[in-house]
Amino acid sequence: MKILKTFFYSKNEIPLILLNLLESYDFVDKFLVYEFDHTISGIKKDFVDLYEHWDLFDPYMDKFDYHRIKLDKNPHFLKDESGVSNEVMKTVNEPFMRNYFTNILYLNDDDLIFSVDADEIIYSSAYEKIENAINENDSPVKLYMHFFWKKMNQLTDKRWGNPCASKFKHLKDKLQMVSAGETRYPQWRDEGVNTDFFSGCHFSNCYSNEGQLEYRKQAIFYKPTTVKTTSVDLNSDIMPKKLKETYSTFKEFNLL
């Protein structure tokens, strides 16, 4: 089985989830997306609730799999209404959330896992190359992406390389040593051999207003970033091919 898995926490990510779904639809067997009722920082939140926008996803229900997960009684996820420390976010809560899909699905060792955040879009044209690289190396592979910052058309001069893809067996028991210590759960991220092609686009911190950005700073570890950007035409070849089909949705959410 080939699975794209992602999780999300804010409304602005809905158009990006749709875009990733359309790009992946012909190449994966399941598109798994889930959300929690807490932020990575351990603060209680309301569900975004994709059911309020179900018309966007209903045509793809043969592959689209959506879950809402309550954490109030979960002893493994650490909570604090003032927000947990960066160390806890990086070693416990974030890996817990990234690895949670293993509690939802029954997985076989040779299942292919494409592991991305909601704002990391894999090109439809990249799936075959990614799968070939995994098989040739018998290893996870890094998914390098064009890095956009704050606006869908503002391209930085940096390459993004955090997402990865692998067989389930490659990372199911793999803990990581990060800056804050060893992760308690597999991250499904920052792993694998290098690839020599771009796998997609990372549309980082694209919000419709400053209030959403301020909320993000409380919800998830936020590292201020200073980058130079250049404006890119939305019809550029480096944009995901299905972006045109989702223009109206991005405009509805004030992201274009």
C-alpha atoms as a PDB file:
ATOM      1  CA  MET A   1       0.000   0.000   0.000  1.00  0.00           C
ATOM      2  CA  LYS A   2       1.116   3.559  -0.740  1.00  0.00           C
ATOM      3  CA  ILE A   3       0.067   6.123   1.847  1.00  0.00           C
ATOM      4  CA  LEU A   4       0.456   9.872   2.095  1.00  0.00           C
ATOM      5  CA  LYS A   5       0.025  10.914   5.711  1.00  0.00           C
ATOM      6  CA  THR A   6      -0.194  14.384   7.165  1.00  0.00           C
ATOM      7  CA  PHE A   7      -1.695  16.203  10.116  1.00  0.00           C
ATOM      8  CA  PHE A   8      -2.805  19.807  10.506  1.00  0.00           C
ATOM      9  CA  TYR A   9      -3.929  22.320  13.107  1.00  0.00           C
ATOM     10  CA  SER A  10      -5.320  25.454  11.430  1.00  0.00           C
ATOM     11  CA  LYS A  11      -7.984  26.471   8.934  1.00  0.00           C
ATOM     12  CA  ASN A  12      -5.530  28.052   6.513  1.00  0.00           C
ATOM     13  CA  GLU A  13      -4.149  24.567   5.767  1.00  0.00           C
ATOM     14  CA  ILE A  14      -7.409  23.295   4.250  1.00  0.00           C
ATOM     15  CA  PRO A  15      -6.626  24.464   0.682  1.00  0.00           C
ATOM     16  CA  LEU A  16      -3.139  22.969   0.995  1.00  0.00           C
ATOM     17  CA  ILE A  17      -4.589  19.620   2.064  1.00  0.00           C
ATOM     18  CA  LEU A  18      -6.845  19.690  -0.992  1.00  0.00           C
ATOM     19  CA  LEU A  19      -3.913  20.538  -3.266  1.00  0.00           C
ATOM     20  CA  ASN A  20      -1.826  17.673  -1.891  1.00  0.00           C
ATOM     21  CA  LEU A  21      -4.769  15.327  -2.270  1.00  0.00           C
ATOM     22  CA  LEU A  22      -5.216  16.229  -5.933  1.00  0.00           C
ATOM     23  CA  GLU A  23      -1.494  15.917  -6.674  1.00  0.00           C
ATOM     24  CA  SER A  24      -1.290  12.511  -4.995  1.00  0.00           C
ATOM     25  CA  TYR A  25      -4.631  11.018  -5.990  1.00  0.00           C
ATOM     26  CA  ASP A  26      -3.447   8.910  -8.941  1.00  0.00           C
ATOM     27  CA  PHE A  27      -0.350   7.657  -7.122  1.00  0.00           C
ATOM     28  CA  VAL A  28      -1.360   6.640  -3.605  1.00  0.00           C
ATOM     29  CA  ASP A  29      -3.855   4.129  -2.245  1.00  0.00           C
ATOM     30  CA  LYS A  30      -4.733   6.196   0.793  1.00  0.00           C
ATOM     31  CA  PHE A  31      -4.490   9.870   1.724  1.00  0.00           C
ATOM     32  CA  LEU A  32      -4.545  10.019   5.517  1.00  0.00           C
ATOM     33  CA  VAL A  33      -5.085  13.349   7.265  1.00  0.00           C
ATOM     34  CA  TYR A  34      -5.721  13.836  10.961  1.00  0.00           C
ATOM     35  CA  GLU A  35      -5.973  16.614  13.524  1.00  0.00           C
ATOM     36  CA  PHE A  36      -5.907  16.877  17.306  1.00  0.00           C
ATOM     37  CA  ASP A  37      -7.801  18.892  19.890  1.00  0.00           C
ATOM     38  CA  HIS A  38      -4.482  20.194  21.263  1.00  0.00           C
ATOM     39  CA  THR A  39      -1.620  22.130  19.732  1.00  0.00           C
ATOM     40  CA  ILE A  40       1.911  20.732  19.634  1.00  0.00           C
ATOM     41  CA  SER A  41       2.612  23.093  22.536  1.00  0.00           C
ATOM     42  CA  GLY A  42       0.004  21.224  24.620  1.00  0.00           C
ATOM     43  CA  ILE A  43      -2.721  23.898  24.584  1.00  0.00           C
ATOM     44  CA  LYS A  44      -6.358  22.818  24.232  1.00  0.00           C
ATOM     45  CA  LYS A  45      -7.988  23.886  20.949  1.00  0.00           C
ATOM     46  CA  ASP A  46     -11.119  23.344  18.921  1.00  0.00           C
ATOM     47  CA  PHE A  47     -11.015  21.039  15.943  1.00  0.00           C
ATOM     48  CA  VAL A  48     -10.773  22.818  12.595  1.00  0.00           C
ATOM     49  CA  ASP A  49     -13.257  20.186  11.397  1.00  0.00           C
ATOM     50  CA  LEU A  50     -12.969  19.355   7.710  1.00  0.00           C
ATOM     51  CA  TYR A  51     -16.616  18.302   7.735  1.00  0.00           C
ATOM     52  CA  GLU A  52     -17.498  21.988   7.512  1.00  0.00           C
ATOM     53  CA  HIS A  53     -15.837  21.972   4.080  1.00  0.00           C
ATOM     54  CA  TRP A  54     -16.680  18.428   3.120  1.00  0.00           C
ATOM     55  CA  ASP A  55     -17.787  19.362  -0.391  1.00  0.00           C
ATOM     56  CA  LEU A  56     -14.093  19.837  -1.235  1.00  0.00           C
ATOM     57  CA  PHE A  57     -13.156  16.286  -0.248  1.00  0.00           C
ATOM     58  CA  ASP A  58     -16.277  14.242  -0.873  1.00  0.00           C
ATOM     59  CA  PRO A  59     -15.399  13.414  -4.531  1.00  0.00           C
ATOM     60  CA  TYR A  60     -12.230  11.648  -3.333  1.00  0.00           C
ATOM     61  CA  MET A  61     -13.664   9.535  -0.528  1.00  0.00           C
ATOM     62  CA  ASP A  62     -12.372   6.308  -2.064  1.00  0.00           C
ATOM     63  CA  LYS A  63      -8.886   7.346  -0.889  1.00  0.00           C
ATOM     64  CA  PHE A  64      -9.403  10.220   1.529  1.00  0.00           C
ATOM     65  CA  ASP A  65      -9.293   9.202   5.200  1.00  0.00           C
ATOM     66  CA  TYR A  66      -9.867  11.890   7.870  1.00  0.00           C
ATOM     67  CA  HIS A  67      -9.657  11.529  11.656  1.00  0.00           C
ATOM     68  CA  ARG A  68     -10.208  13.852  14.640  1.00  0.00           C
ATOM     69  CA  ILE A  69      -8.301  12.754  17.727  1.00  0.00           C
ATOM     70  CA  LYS A  70      -9.066  13.787  21.302  1.00  0.00           C
ATOM     71  CA  LEU A  71      -6.100  13.892  23.660  1.00  0.00           C
ATOM     72  CA  ASP A  72      -7.671  14.902  26.992  1.00  0.00           C
ATOM     73  CA  LYS A  73      -7.288  11.428  28.458  1.00  0.00           C
ATOM     74  CA  ASN A  74      -4.157  10.402  26.575  1.00  0.00           C
ATOM     75  CA  PRO A  75      -1.299   9.986  29.100  1.00  0.00           C
ATOM     76  CA  HIS A  76       1.454  10.032  26.480  1.00  0.00           C
ATOM     77  CA  PHE A  77       0.821  13.537  25.125  1.00  0.00           C
ATOM     78  CA  LEU A  78       1.940  16.296  27.522  1.00  0.00           C
ATOM     79  CA  LYS A  79      -0.443  19.201  28.101  1.00  0.00           C
ATOM     80  CA  ASP A  80      -0.114  22.675  29.620  1.00  0.00           C
ATOM     81  CA  GLU A  81      -2.460  25.602  29.057  1.00  0.00           C
ATOM     82  CA  SER A  82       0.541  27.917  29.215  1.00  0.00           C
ATOM     83  CA  GLY A  83       2.381  25.790  26.658  1.00  0.00           C
ATOM     84  CA  VAL A  84       5.005  23.115  27.241  1.00  0.00           C
ATOM     85  CA  SER A  85       8.716  23.749  26.840  1.00  0.00           C
ATOM     86  CA  ASN A  86      10.504  23.559  23.495  1.00  0.00           C
ATOM     87  CA  GLU A  87      12.247  20.421  24.738  1.00  0.00           C
ATOM     88  CA  VAL A  88       8.902  18.695  25.353  1.00  0.00           C
ATOM     89  CA  MET A  89       7.539  19.838  21.998  1.00  0.00           C
ATOM     90  CA  LYS A  90      10.560  18.528  20.112  1.00  0.00           C
ATOM     91  CA  THR A  91      11.110  15.231  21.942  1.00  0.00           C
ATOM     92  CA  VAL A  92       7.572  14.198  22.967  1.00  0.00           C
ATOM     93  CA  ASN A  93       4.573  16.025  21.529  1.00  0.00           C
ATOM     94  CA  GLU A  94       5.667  16.626  17.949  1.00  0.00           C
ATOM     95  CA  PRO A  95       7.001  13.065  17.424  1.00  0.00           C
ATOM     96  CA  PHE A  96       3.854  11.699  19.107  1.00  0.00           C
ATOM     97  CA  MET A  97       1.680  13.548  16.590  1.00  0.00           C
ATOM     98  CA  ARG A  98       3.796  12.644  13.566  1.00  0.00           C
ATOM     99  CA  ASN A  99       3.818   8.988  14.567  1.00  0.00           C
ATOM    100  CA  TYR A 100       0.118   8.803  15.482  1.00  0.00           C
ATOM    101  CA  PHE A 101      -0.860   7.433  12.073  1.00  0.00           C
ATOM    102  CA  THR A 102       0.570   4.095  13.214  1.00  0.00           C
ATOM    103  CA  ASN A 103      -2.334   3.934  15.695  1.00  0.00           C
ATOM    104  CA  ILE A 104      -4.872   4.512  12.926  1.00  0.00           C
ATOM    105  CA  LEU A 105      -3.691   2.129  10.227  1.00  0.00           C
ATOM    106  CA  TYR A 106      -2.564  -1.484  10.132  1.00  0.00           C
ATOM    107  CA  LEU A 107       0.702  -1.305   8.234  1.00  0.00           C
ATOM    108  CA  ASN A 108       2.958  -3.865   6.591  1.00  0.00           C
ATOM    109  CA  ASP A 109       6.735  -3.515   6.469  1.00  0.00           C
ATOM    110  CA  ASP A 110       6.812  -2.859   2.723  1.00  0.00           C
ATOM    111  CA  ASP A 111       4.057  -0.222   2.725  1.00  0.00           C
ATOM    112  CA  LEU A 112       5.297   3.088   1.314  1.00  0.00           C
ATOM    113  CA  ILE A 113       4.853   6.118   3.571  1.00  0.00           C
ATOM    114  CA  PHE A 114       5.027   9.641   2.148  1.00  0.00           C
ATOM    115  CA  SER A 115       5.355  11.785   5.265  1.00  0.00           C
ATOM    116  CA  VAL A 116       4.714  15.517   4.902  1.00  0.00           C
ATOM    117  CA  ASP A 117       3.304  18.438   6.828  1.00  0.00           C
ATOM    118  CA  ALA A 118       0.119  19.982   5.489  1.00  0.00           C
ATOM    119  CA  ASP A 119       2.020  22.812   3.774  1.00  0.00           C
ATOM    120  CA  GLU A 120       4.473  20.474   2.010  1.00  0.00           C
ATOM    121  CA  ILE A 121       3.107  19.531  -1.401  1.00  0.00           C
ATOM    122  CA  ILE A 122       4.544  16.602  -3.356  1.00  0.00           C
ATOM    123  CA  TYR A 123       4.457  16.953  -7.126  1.00  0.00           C
ATOM    124  CA  SER A 124       2.376  14.371  -8.949  1.00  0.00           C
ATOM    125  CA  SER A 125       5.356  13.925 -11.276  1.00  0.00           C
ATOM    126  CA  ALA A 126       7.672  13.038  -8.363  1.00  0.00           C
ATOM    127  CA  TYR A 127       5.953   9.967  -6.929  1.00  0.00           C
ATOM    128  CA  GLU A 128       7.476   7.431  -9.310  1.00  0.00           C
ATOM    129  CA  LYS A 129      10.967   8.895  -8.846  1.00  0.00           C
ATOM    130  CA  ILE A 130      10.581   8.849  -5.063  1.00  0.00           C
ATOM    131  CA  GLU A 131       9.421   5.236  -5.065  1.00  0.00           C
ATOM    132  CA  ASN A 132      12.296   4.209  -7.332  1.00  0.00           C
ATOM    133  CA  ALA A 133      14.810   5.933  -5.049  1.00  0.00           C
ATOM    134  CA  ILE A 134      13.427   4.128  -1.988  1.00  0.00           C
ATOM    135  CA  ASN A 135      13.633   0.750  -3.724  1.00  0.00           C
ATOM    136  CA  GLU A 136      17.077   1.334  -5.228  1.00  0.00           C
ATOM    137  CA  ASN A 137      18.579   2.361  -1.876  1.00  0.00           C
ATOM    138  CA  ASP A 138      16.391   0.206   0.382  1.00  0.00           C
ATOM    139  CA  SER A 139      16.308   3.312   2.547  1.00  0.00           C
ATOM    140  CA  PRO A 140      14.233   6.381   3.360  1.00  0.00           C
ATOM    141  CA  VAL A 141      14.797   9.302   1.009  1.00  0.00           C
ATOM    142  CA  LYS A 142      14.718  13.021   1.623  1.00  0.00           C
ATOM    143  CA  LEU A 143      12.138  15.050  -0.253  1.00  0.00           C
ATOM    144  CA  TYR A 144      13.720  18.317  -1.334  1.00  0.00           C
ATOM    145  CA  MET A 145      11.264  21.112  -2.050  1.00  0.00           C
ATOM    146  CA  HIS A 146      11.122  24.668  -3.331  1.00  0.00           C
ATOM    147  CA  PHE A 147      10.721  26.875  -0.249  1.00  0.00           C
ATOM    148  CA  PHE A 148       8.059  29.599  -0.340  1.00  0.00           C
ATOM    149  CA  TRP A 149       7.647  32.030   2.557  1.00  0.00           C
ATOM    150  CA  LYS A 150       4.455  33.752   3.820  1.00  0.00           C
ATOM    151  CA  LYS A 151       2.938  34.125   0.337  1.00  0.00           C
ATOM    152  CA  MET A 152       2.130  31.408  -2.170  1.00  0.00           C
ATOM    153  CA  ASN A 153       4.208  33.164  -4.841  1.00  0.00           C
ATOM    154  CA  GLN A 154       7.205  34.290  -2.751  1.00  0.00           C
ATOM    155  CA  LEU A 155      10.069  31.882  -3.462  1.00  0.00           C
ATOM    156  CA  THR A 156      13.150  31.896  -1.226  1.00  0.00           C
ATOM    157  CA  ASP A 157      16.671  31.019  -2.281  1.00  0.00           C
ATOM    158  CA  LYS A 158      16.734  28.110   0.183  1.00  0.00           C
ATOM    159  CA  ARG A 159      16.000  24.446  -0.482  1.00  0.00           C
ATOM    160  CA  TRP A 160      13.636  22.728   1.966  1.00  0.00           C
ATOM    161  CA  GLY A 161      14.605  19.185   2.931  1.00  0.00           C
ATOM    162  CA  ASN A 162      12.738  18.066   6.061  1.00  0.00           C
ATOM    163  CA  PRO A 163      10.016  15.752   4.703  1.00  0.00           C
ATOM    164  CA  CYS A 164      10.845  12.200   3.724  1.00  0.00           C
ATOM    165  CA  ALA A 165       9.404   8.998   2.298  1.00  0.00           C
ATOM    166  CA  SER A 166      10.199   5.401   3.180  1.00  0.00           C
ATOM    167  CA  LYS A 167       8.956   1.883   3.577  1.00  0.00           C
ATOM    168  CA  PHE A 168       7.247   1.360   6.914  1.00  0.00           C
ATOM    169  CA  LYS A 169      10.001  -0.987   8.069  1.00  0.00           C
ATOM    170  CA  HIS A 170      12.663   1.682   7.598  1.00  0.00           C
ATOM    171  CA  LEU A 171      11.411   4.084  10.260  1.00  0.00           C
ATOM    172  CA  LYS A 172       8.808   2.307  12.392  1.00  0.00           C
ATOM    173  CA  ASP A 173      11.266   1.923  15.304  1.00  0.00           C
ATOM    174  CA  LYS A 174      13.646   4.776  14.487  1.00  0.00           C
ATOM    175  CA  LEU A 175      14.125   7.371  17.226  1.00  0.00           C
ATOM    176  CA  GLN A 176      16.117  10.522  16.533  1.00  0.00           C
ATOM    177  CA  MET A 177      18.596  12.662  18.407  1.00  0.00           C
ATOM    178  CA  VAL A 178      17.415  16.263  17.954  1.00  0.00           C
ATOM    179  CA  SER A 179      18.717  19.493  19.461  1.00  0.00           C
ATOM    180  CA  ALA A 180      16.508  19.050  22.548  1.00  0.00           C
ATOM    181  CA  GLY A 181      17.395  15.359  23.106  1.00  0.00           C
ATOM    182  CA  GLU A 182      16.202  11.969  21.856  1.00  0.00           C
ATOM    183  CA  THR A 183      12.671  11.691  20.529  1.00  0.00           C
ATOM    184  CA  ARG A 184      10.299   9.398  22.371  1.00  0.00           C
ATOM    185  CA  TYR A 185       8.609   8.301  19.119  1.00  0.00           C
ATOM    186  CA  PRO A 186       9.664   7.988  15.463  1.00  0.00           C
ATOM    187  CA  GLN A 187       9.536  11.349  13.695  1.00  0.00           C
ATOM    188  CA  TRP A 188       9.040  10.207  10.077  1.00  0.00           C
ATOM    189  CA  ARG A 189      11.059  13.278   9.142  1.00  0.00           C
ATOM    190  CA  ASP A 190      14.626  14.432   8.496  1.00  0.00           C
ATOM    191  CA  GLU A 191      15.663  10.938   7.450  1.00  0.00           C
ATOM    192  CA  GLY A 192      17.065   9.300   4.372  1.00  0.00           C
ATOM    193  CA  VAL A 193      19.516   9.494   1.531  1.00  0.00           C
ATOM    194  CA  ASN A 194      19.792  12.593  -0.616  1.00  0.00           C
ATOM    195  CA  THR A 195      17.909  12.862  -3.882  1.00  0.00           C
ATOM    196  CA  ASP A 196      18.947  14.886  -6.935  1.00  0.00           C
ATOM    197  CA  PHE A 197      15.513  16.224  -7.839  1.00  0.00           C
ATOM    198  CA  PHE A 198      12.860  18.510  -6.378  1.00  0.00           C
ATOM    199  CA  SER A 199       9.884  16.593  -5.008  1.00  0.00           C
ATOM    200  CA  GLY A 200       7.534  19.528  -4.522  1.00  0.00           C
ATOM    201  CA  CYS A 201       6.896  22.867  -2.822  1.00  0.00           C
ATOM    202  CA  HIS A 202       6.848  23.973   0.805  1.00  0.00           C
ATOM    203  CA  PHE A 203       4.418  26.884   1.319  1.00  0.00           C
ATOM    204  CA  SER A 204       5.570  27.995   4.753  1.00  0.00           C
ATOM    205  CA  ASN A 205       3.637  30.340   7.045  1.00  0.00           C
ATOM    206  CA  CYS A 206       1.069  31.314   4.413  1.00  0.00           C
ATOM    207  CA  TYR A 207      -1.754  32.918   6.397  1.00  0.00           C
ATOM    208  CA  SER A 208      -4.662  35.146   5.465  1.00  0.00           C
ATOM    209  CA  ASN A 209      -3.994  37.556   8.346  1.00  0.00           C
ATOM    210  CA  GLU A 210      -1.488  38.367  11.089  1.00  0.00           C
ATOM    211  CA  GLY A 211      -3.784  36.940  13.774  1.00  0.00           C
ATOM    212  CA  GLN A 212      -3.339  33.456  12.321  1.00  0.00           C
ATOM    213  CA  LEU A 213       0.433  33.886  12.320  1.00  0.00           C
ATOM    214  CA  GLU A 214       0.415  34.970  15.966  1.00  0.00           C
ATOM    215  CA  TYR A 215      -1.646  31.901  16.861  1.00  0.00           C
ATOM    216  CA  ARG A 216       0.863  29.716  15.050  1.00  0.00           C
ATOM    217  CA  LYS A 217       3.642  31.111  17.245  1.00  0.00           C
ATOM    218  CA  GLN A 218       1.770  29.840  20.315  1.00  0.00           C
ATOM    219  CA  ALA A 219       0.673  26.542  18.813  1.00  0.00           C
ATOM    220  CA  ILE A 220       3.949  25.286  17.362  1.00  0.00           C
ATOM    221  CA  PHE A 221       7.618  25.998  17.921  1.00  0.00           C
ATOM    222  CA  TYR A 222       8.296  29.093  15.843  1.00  0.00           C
ATOM    223  CA  LYS A 223      11.735  30.060  14.639  1.00  0.00           C
ATOM    224  CA  PRO A 224      11.908  33.574  13.161  1.00  0.00           C
ATOM    225  CA  THR A 225      13.273  33.346   9.645  1.00  0.00           C
ATOM    226  CA  THR A 226      14.876  36.043   7.557  1.00  0.00           C
ATOM    227  CA  VAL A 227      14.973  35.102   3.910  1.00  0.00           C
ATOM    228  CA  LYS A 228      15.127  36.876   0.596  1.00  0.00           C
ATOM    229  CA  THR A 229      12.242  36.101  -1.718  1.00  0.00           C
ATOM    230  CA  THR A 230      11.425  36.657  -5.364  1.00  0.00           C
ATOM    231  CA  SER A 231       7.956  36.726  -6.849  1.00  0.00           C
ATOM    232  CA  VAL A 232       7.049  33.694  -8.959  1.00  0.00           C
ATOM    233  CA  ASP A 233       4.191  33.491 -11.419  1.00  0.00           C
ATOM    234  CA  LEU A 234       1.510  31.064 -10.234  1.00  0.00           C
ATOM    235  CA  ASN A 235       1.676  29.445 -13.667  1.00  0.00           C
ATOM    236  CA  SER A 236       5.385  28.737 -13.307  1.00  0.00           C
ATOM    237  CA  ASP A 237       6.611  25.209 -13.987  1.00  0.00           C
ATOM    238  CA  ILE A 238       7.819  24.888 -10.387  1.00  0.00           C
ATOM    239  CA  MET A 239       4.270  25.217  -9.059  1.00  0.00           C
ATOM    240  CA  PRO A 240       2.203  22.067  -8.408  1.00  0.00           C
ATOM    241  CA  LYS A 241       0.249  21.167 -11.543  1.00  0.00           C
ATOM    242  CA  LYS A 242      -3.065  20.984  -9.700  1.00  0.00           C
ATOM    243  CA  LEU A 243      -2.775  24.487  -8.252  1.00  0.00           C
ATOM    244  CA  LYS A 244      -4.896  25.913 -11.082  1.00  0.00           C
ATOM    245  CA  GLU A 245      -7.751  23.596 -10.121  1.00  0.00           C
ATOM    246  CA  THR A 246      -7.680  24.933  -6.556  1.00  0.00           C
ATOM    247  CA  TYR A 247      -7.423  28.686  -7.253  1.00  0.00           C
ATOM    248  CA  SER A 248     -10.988  29.324  -6.157  1.00  0.00           C
ATOM    249  CA  THR A 249     -10.443  27.498  -2.853  1.00  0.00           C
ATOM    250  CA  PHE A 250      -7.235  29.381  -2.085  1.00  0.00           C
ATOM    251  CA  LYS A 251      -8.989  32.650  -2.883  1.00  0.00           C
ATOM    252  CA  GLU A 252     -11.917  31.704  -0.638  1.00  0.00           C
ATOM    253  CA  PHE A 253      -9.442  31.285   2.221  1.00  0.00           C
ATOM    254  CA  ASN A 254      -7.675  34.559   1.299  1.00  0.00           C
ATOM    255  CA  LEU A 255      -4.401  32.824   0.495  1.00  0.00           C
ATOM    256  CA  LEU A 256      -4.216  34.099  -3.089  1.00  0.00           C
END
